[in-house]
Amino acid sequence: MSNLVNLASLRTTAQVASELQISARRVRQVASQMKIGYLAGGRFLFSLEEVEKLRQRRTDRTPIRVWLRERAQAARQETIAGVIDRVLTRHSRN
């Protein structure tokens, strides 16, 4: 078995963080806990298989994060709808 890695398939911490929608710091924390990734030149690098392992990790906060995102989006829509309603009401008075 060879330890050769296809360099083109490696991902940096920032790339993995963006892909998983978490912070780079959190990627490093989880990678350290799971004992995955390669440390090269002071940077963590991850193979595609390791990125998939990170993606499949157990996250108890995900439902809350999704709920908060949906709630914020609904609040923005309400705000936009309220502004439009006020503008139309004022315009119809004139």
N, C-alpha and C. Protein backbone atom coordinates (compact mmCIF):
# COMPACT_ATOMS: atom_id res chain seq x y z
N MET A 1 0.85 -1.18 0.00
CA MET A 1 0.00 0.00 0.00
C MET A 1 0.89 1.24 0.00
N SER A 2 0.54 2.20 -0.81
CA SER A 2 1.35 3.39 -0.99
C SER A 2 0.78 4.55 -0.18
N ASN A 3 1.65 5.42 0.28
CA ASN A 3 1.23 6.62 1.00
C ASN A 3 1.14 7.83 0.09
N LEU A 4 1.12 7.61 -1.22
CA LEU A 4 1.05 8.71 -2.16
C LEU A 4 -0.35 9.32 -2.15
N VAL A 5 -0.39 10.64 -2.22
CA VAL A 5 -1.65 11.38 -2.21
C VAL A 5 -1.69 12.27 -3.44
N ASN A 6 -2.82 12.29 -4.10
CA ASN A 6 -3.00 13.17 -5.25
C ASN A 6 -3.15 14.59 -4.74
N LEU A 7 -2.15 15.43 -4.98
CA LEU A 7 -2.15 16.79 -4.44
C LEU A 7 -3.31 17.63 -4.97
N ALA A 8 -3.76 17.35 -6.18
CA ALA A 8 -4.86 18.12 -6.75
C ALA A 8 -6.17 17.89 -6.01
N SER A 9 -6.28 16.76 -5.32
CA SER A 9 -7.53 16.45 -4.63
C SER A 9 -7.54 16.94 -3.18
N LEU A 10 -6.43 17.50 -2.70
CA LEU A 10 -6.38 17.97 -1.32
C LEU A 10 -7.10 19.31 -1.18
N ARG A 11 -7.73 19.50 -0.03
CA ARG A 11 -8.45 20.73 0.28
C ARG A 11 -7.81 21.40 1.49
N THR A 12 -7.77 22.73 1.47
CA THR A 12 -7.25 23.47 2.61
C THR A 12 -8.35 23.61 3.66
N THR A 13 -7.95 24.07 4.83
CA THR A 13 -8.91 24.29 5.92
C THR A 13 -9.99 25.28 5.47
N ALA A 14 -9.59 26.35 4.81
CA ALA A 14 -10.55 27.37 4.36
C ALA A 14 -11.53 26.79 3.35
N GLN A 15 -11.06 25.97 2.43
CA GLN A 15 -11.95 25.35 1.45
C GLN A 15 -12.95 24.42 2.11
N VAL A 16 -12.47 23.62 3.06
CA VAL A 16 -13.36 22.69 3.77
C VAL A 16 -14.38 23.48 4.59
N ALA A 17 -13.92 24.52 5.26
CA ALA A 17 -14.83 25.34 6.08
C ALA A 17 -15.93 25.95 5.22
N SER A 18 -15.57 26.46 4.07
CA SER A 18 -16.56 27.04 3.17
C SER A 18 -17.55 25.99 2.68
N GLU A 19 -17.03 24.83 2.34
CA GLU A 19 -17.87 23.75 1.84
C GLU A 19 -18.85 23.24 2.91
N LEU A 20 -18.39 23.17 4.15
CA LEU A 20 -19.22 22.65 5.23
C LEU A 20 -19.99 23.75 5.97
N GLN A 21 -19.74 24.99 5.58
CA GLN A 21 -20.39 26.16 6.19
C GLN A 21 -20.14 26.23 7.70
N ILE A 22 -18.88 26.02 8.07
CA ILE A 22 -18.45 26.18 9.46
C ILE A 22 -17.16 26.99 9.42
N SER A 23 -16.68 27.43 10.56
CA SER A 23 -15.46 28.23 10.60
C SER A 23 -14.23 27.35 10.40
N ALA A 24 -13.16 27.99 9.94
CA ALA A 24 -11.89 27.27 9.77
C ALA A 24 -11.39 26.76 11.12
N ARG A 25 -11.61 27.54 12.15
CA ARG A 25 -11.19 27.11 13.49
C ARG A 25 -11.92 25.82 13.88
N ARG A 26 -13.22 25.76 13.58
CA ARG A 26 -13.99 24.56 13.92
C ARG A 26 -13.52 23.36 13.10
N VAL A 27 -13.15 23.57 11.85
CA VAL A 27 -12.61 22.49 11.03
C VAL A 27 -11.36 21.92 11.68
N ARG A 28 -10.47 22.80 12.14
CA ARG A 28 -9.24 22.33 12.79
C ARG A 28 -9.55 21.60 14.09
N GLN A 29 -10.52 22.09 14.87
CA GLN A 29 -10.89 21.43 16.12
C GLN A 29 -11.41 20.02 15.85
N VAL A 30 -12.35 19.91 14.92
CA VAL A 30 -12.94 18.60 14.63
C VAL A 30 -11.90 17.66 14.03
N ALA A 31 -11.06 18.18 13.14
CA ALA A 31 -10.02 17.35 12.53
C ALA A 31 -9.06 16.82 13.59
N SER A 32 -8.74 17.64 14.54
CA SER A 32 -7.87 17.21 15.63
C SER A 32 -8.53 16.12 16.47
N GLN A 33 -9.81 16.31 16.77
CA GLN A 33 -10.56 15.31 17.55
C GLN A 33 -10.68 13.99 16.80
N MET A 34 -10.91 14.07 15.48
CA MET A 34 -11.08 12.86 14.68
C MET A 34 -9.75 12.28 14.20
N LYS A 35 -8.67 13.02 14.46
CA LYS A 35 -7.34 12.61 14.05
C LYS A 35 -7.25 12.37 12.54
N ILE A 36 -7.72 13.37 11.79
CA ILE A 36 -7.64 13.30 10.33
C ILE A 36 -6.98 14.56 9.80
N GLY A 37 -6.56 14.53 8.56
CA GLY A 37 -5.91 15.66 7.93
C GLY A 37 -4.40 15.51 7.96
N TYR A 38 -3.75 16.24 7.08
CA TYR A 38 -2.30 16.24 6.99
C TYR A 38 -1.82 17.63 7.37
N LEU A 39 -0.84 17.72 8.20
CA LEU A 39 -0.24 19.00 8.54
C LEU A 39 1.00 19.17 7.68
N ALA A 40 0.96 20.15 6.78
CA ALA A 40 2.07 20.37 5.86
C ALA A 40 2.36 21.86 5.79
N GLY A 41 3.55 22.23 6.16
CA GLY A 41 3.94 23.64 6.10
C GLY A 41 3.10 24.52 7.01
N GLY A 42 2.67 23.97 8.13
CA GLY A 42 1.86 24.74 9.08
C GLY A 42 0.40 24.86 8.70
N ARG A 43 -0.02 24.13 7.68
CA ARG A 43 -1.42 24.16 7.23
C ARG A 43 -1.99 22.75 7.22
N PHE A 44 -3.27 22.66 7.57
CA PHE A 44 -3.95 21.38 7.46
C PHE A 44 -4.44 21.20 6.04
N LEU A 45 -4.27 20.00 5.52
CA LEU A 45 -4.78 19.62 4.21
C LEU A 45 -5.63 18.37 4.39
N PHE A 46 -6.71 18.28 3.62
CA PHE A 46 -7.66 17.18 3.77
C PHE A 46 -7.91 16.53 2.42
N SER A 47 -7.92 15.19 2.43
CA SER A 47 -8.27 14.45 1.22
C SER A 47 -9.79 14.49 1.07
N LEU A 48 -10.27 14.09 -0.09
CA LEU A 48 -11.72 14.08 -0.33
C LEU A 48 -12.43 13.12 0.63
N GLU A 49 -11.78 12.00 0.96
CA GLU A 49 -12.37 11.05 1.90
C GLU A 49 -12.50 11.66 3.30
N GLU A 50 -11.49 12.43 3.68
CA GLU A 50 -11.53 13.07 4.99
C GLU A 50 -12.58 14.17 5.05
N VAL A 51 -12.75 14.89 3.94
CA VAL A 51 -13.80 15.91 3.88
C VAL A 51 -15.16 15.24 4.06
N GLU A 52 -15.33 14.09 3.44
CA GLU A 52 -16.59 13.36 3.58
C GLU A 52 -16.80 12.91 5.02
N LYS A 53 -15.74 12.47 5.69
CA LYS A 53 -15.85 12.10 7.10
C LYS A 53 -16.27 13.30 7.95
N LEU A 54 -15.69 14.46 7.64
CA LEU A 54 -16.07 15.67 8.37
C LEU A 54 -17.54 16.02 8.10
N ARG A 55 -17.96 15.83 6.87
CA ARG A 55 -19.35 16.13 6.50
C ARG A 55 -20.32 15.20 7.24
N GLN A 56 -19.93 13.95 7.45
CA GLN A 56 -20.80 12.96 8.07
C GLN A 56 -20.72 12.95 9.59
N ARG A 57 -19.91 13.86 10.15
CA ARG A 57 -19.77 13.87 11.61
C ARG A 57 -21.11 14.19 12.27
N ARG A 58 -21.23 13.79 13.50
CA ARG A 58 -22.46 14.05 14.24
C ARG A 58 -22.46 15.51 14.69
N THR A 59 -23.50 16.21 14.35
CA THR A 59 -23.64 17.60 14.77
C THR A 59 -25.01 17.78 15.40
N ASP A 60 -25.02 18.01 16.67
CA ASP A 60 -26.29 18.21 17.37
C ASP A 60 -26.85 19.60 17.16
N ARG A 61 -26.02 20.53 16.69
CA ARG A 61 -26.46 21.91 16.55
C ARG A 61 -27.09 22.19 15.19
N THR A 62 -26.95 21.31 14.23
CA THR A 62 -27.42 21.59 12.89
C THR A 62 -28.90 21.94 12.84
N PRO A 63 -29.81 21.19 13.49
CA PRO A 63 -31.21 21.57 13.42
C PRO A 63 -31.48 22.97 13.97
N ILE A 64 -30.78 23.35 15.03
CA ILE A 64 -30.97 24.68 15.60
C ILE A 64 -30.48 25.73 14.61
N ARG A 65 -29.32 25.47 14.01
CA ARG A 65 -28.77 26.42 13.05
C ARG A 65 -29.72 26.60 11.87
N VAL A 66 -30.28 25.53 11.37
CA VAL A 66 -31.22 25.60 10.26
C VAL A 66 -32.46 26.38 10.68
N TRP A 67 -32.96 26.09 11.88
CA TRP A 67 -34.15 26.79 12.38
C TRP A 67 -33.89 28.28 12.50
N LEU A 68 -32.72 28.65 13.05
CA LEU A 68 -32.39 30.07 13.19
C LEU A 68 -32.26 30.75 11.82
N ARG A 69 -31.65 30.06 10.87
CA ARG A 69 -31.50 30.62 9.52
C ARG A 69 -32.87 30.84 8.89
N GLU A 70 -33.77 29.86 9.02
CA GLU A 70 -35.12 29.99 8.46
C GLU A 70 -35.89 31.11 9.15
N ARG A 71 -35.72 31.20 10.47
CA ARG A 71 -36.41 32.26 11.23
C ARG A 71 -35.92 33.64 10.80
N ALA A 72 -34.62 33.80 10.62
CA ALA A 72 -34.06 35.08 10.18
C ALA A 72 -34.54 35.43 8.78
N GLN A 73 -34.62 34.43 7.91
CA GLN A 73 -35.09 34.68 6.55
C GLN A 73 -36.55 35.10 6.56
N ALA A 74 -37.36 34.45 7.40
CA ALA A 74 -38.78 34.81 7.50
C ALA A 74 -38.92 36.23 8.04
N ALA A 75 -38.09 36.60 9.00
CA ALA A 75 -38.14 37.95 9.56
C ALA A 75 -37.78 38.99 8.51
N ARG A 76 -36.78 38.68 7.68
CA ARG A 76 -36.42 39.60 6.60
C ARG A 76 -37.57 39.75 5.62
N GLN A 77 -38.22 38.64 5.28
CA GLN A 77 -39.35 38.70 4.35
C GLN A 77 -40.49 39.52 4.94
N GLU A 78 -40.75 39.33 6.23
CA GLU A 78 -41.79 40.11 6.90
C GLU A 78 -41.45 41.59 6.85
N THR A 79 -40.20 41.91 7.11
CA THR A 79 -39.76 43.30 7.09
C THR A 79 -39.92 43.90 5.71
N ILE A 80 -39.51 43.17 4.69
CA ILE A 80 -39.63 43.65 3.32
C ILE A 80 -41.10 43.83 2.96
N ALA A 81 -41.93 42.85 3.33
CA ALA A 81 -43.36 42.96 3.05
C ALA A 81 -43.97 44.14 3.79
N GLY A 82 -43.55 44.38 5.02
CA GLY A 82 -44.06 45.51 5.80
C GLY A 82 -43.67 46.84 5.18
N VAL A 83 -42.45 46.95 4.72
CA VAL A 83 -41.99 48.18 4.08
C VAL A 83 -42.78 48.44 2.80
N ILE A 84 -42.95 47.42 2.00
CA ILE A 84 -43.70 47.57 0.75
C ILE A 84 -45.13 47.98 1.05
N ASP A 85 -45.74 47.34 2.06
CA ASP A 85 -47.11 47.66 2.44
C ASP A 85 -47.23 49.12 2.88
N ARG A 86 -46.29 49.59 3.70
CA ARG A 86 -46.33 50.98 4.17
C ARG A 86 -46.17 51.96 2.99
N VAL A 87 -45.27 51.64 2.09
CA VAL A 87 -45.05 52.52 0.93
C VAL A 87 -46.30 52.58 0.07
N LEU A 88 -46.90 51.43 -0.18
CA LEU A 88 -48.11 51.41 -1.00
C LEU A 88 -49.26 52.13 -0.32
N THR A 89 -49.36 51.98 1.01
CA THR A 89 -50.42 52.66 1.75
C THR A 89 -50.24 54.17 1.67
N ARG A 90 -49.03 54.64 1.87
CA ARG A 90 -48.75 56.08 1.79
C ARG A 90 -48.99 56.60 0.38
N HIS A 91 -48.58 55.81 -0.61
CA HIS A 91 -48.76 56.23 -2.01
C HIS A 91 -50.24 56.31 -2.38
N SER A 92 -51.03 55.38 -1.88
CA SER A 92 -52.46 55.38 -2.21
C SER A 92 -53.19 56.54 -1.56
N ARG A 93 -52.67 57.06 -0.43
CA ARG A 93 -53.28 58.23 0.24
C ARG A 93 -53.11 59.49 -0.58
N ASN A 94 -51.98 59.58 -1.29
CA ASN A 94 -51.68 60.82 -2.05
C ASN A 94 -52.38 60.85 -3.34
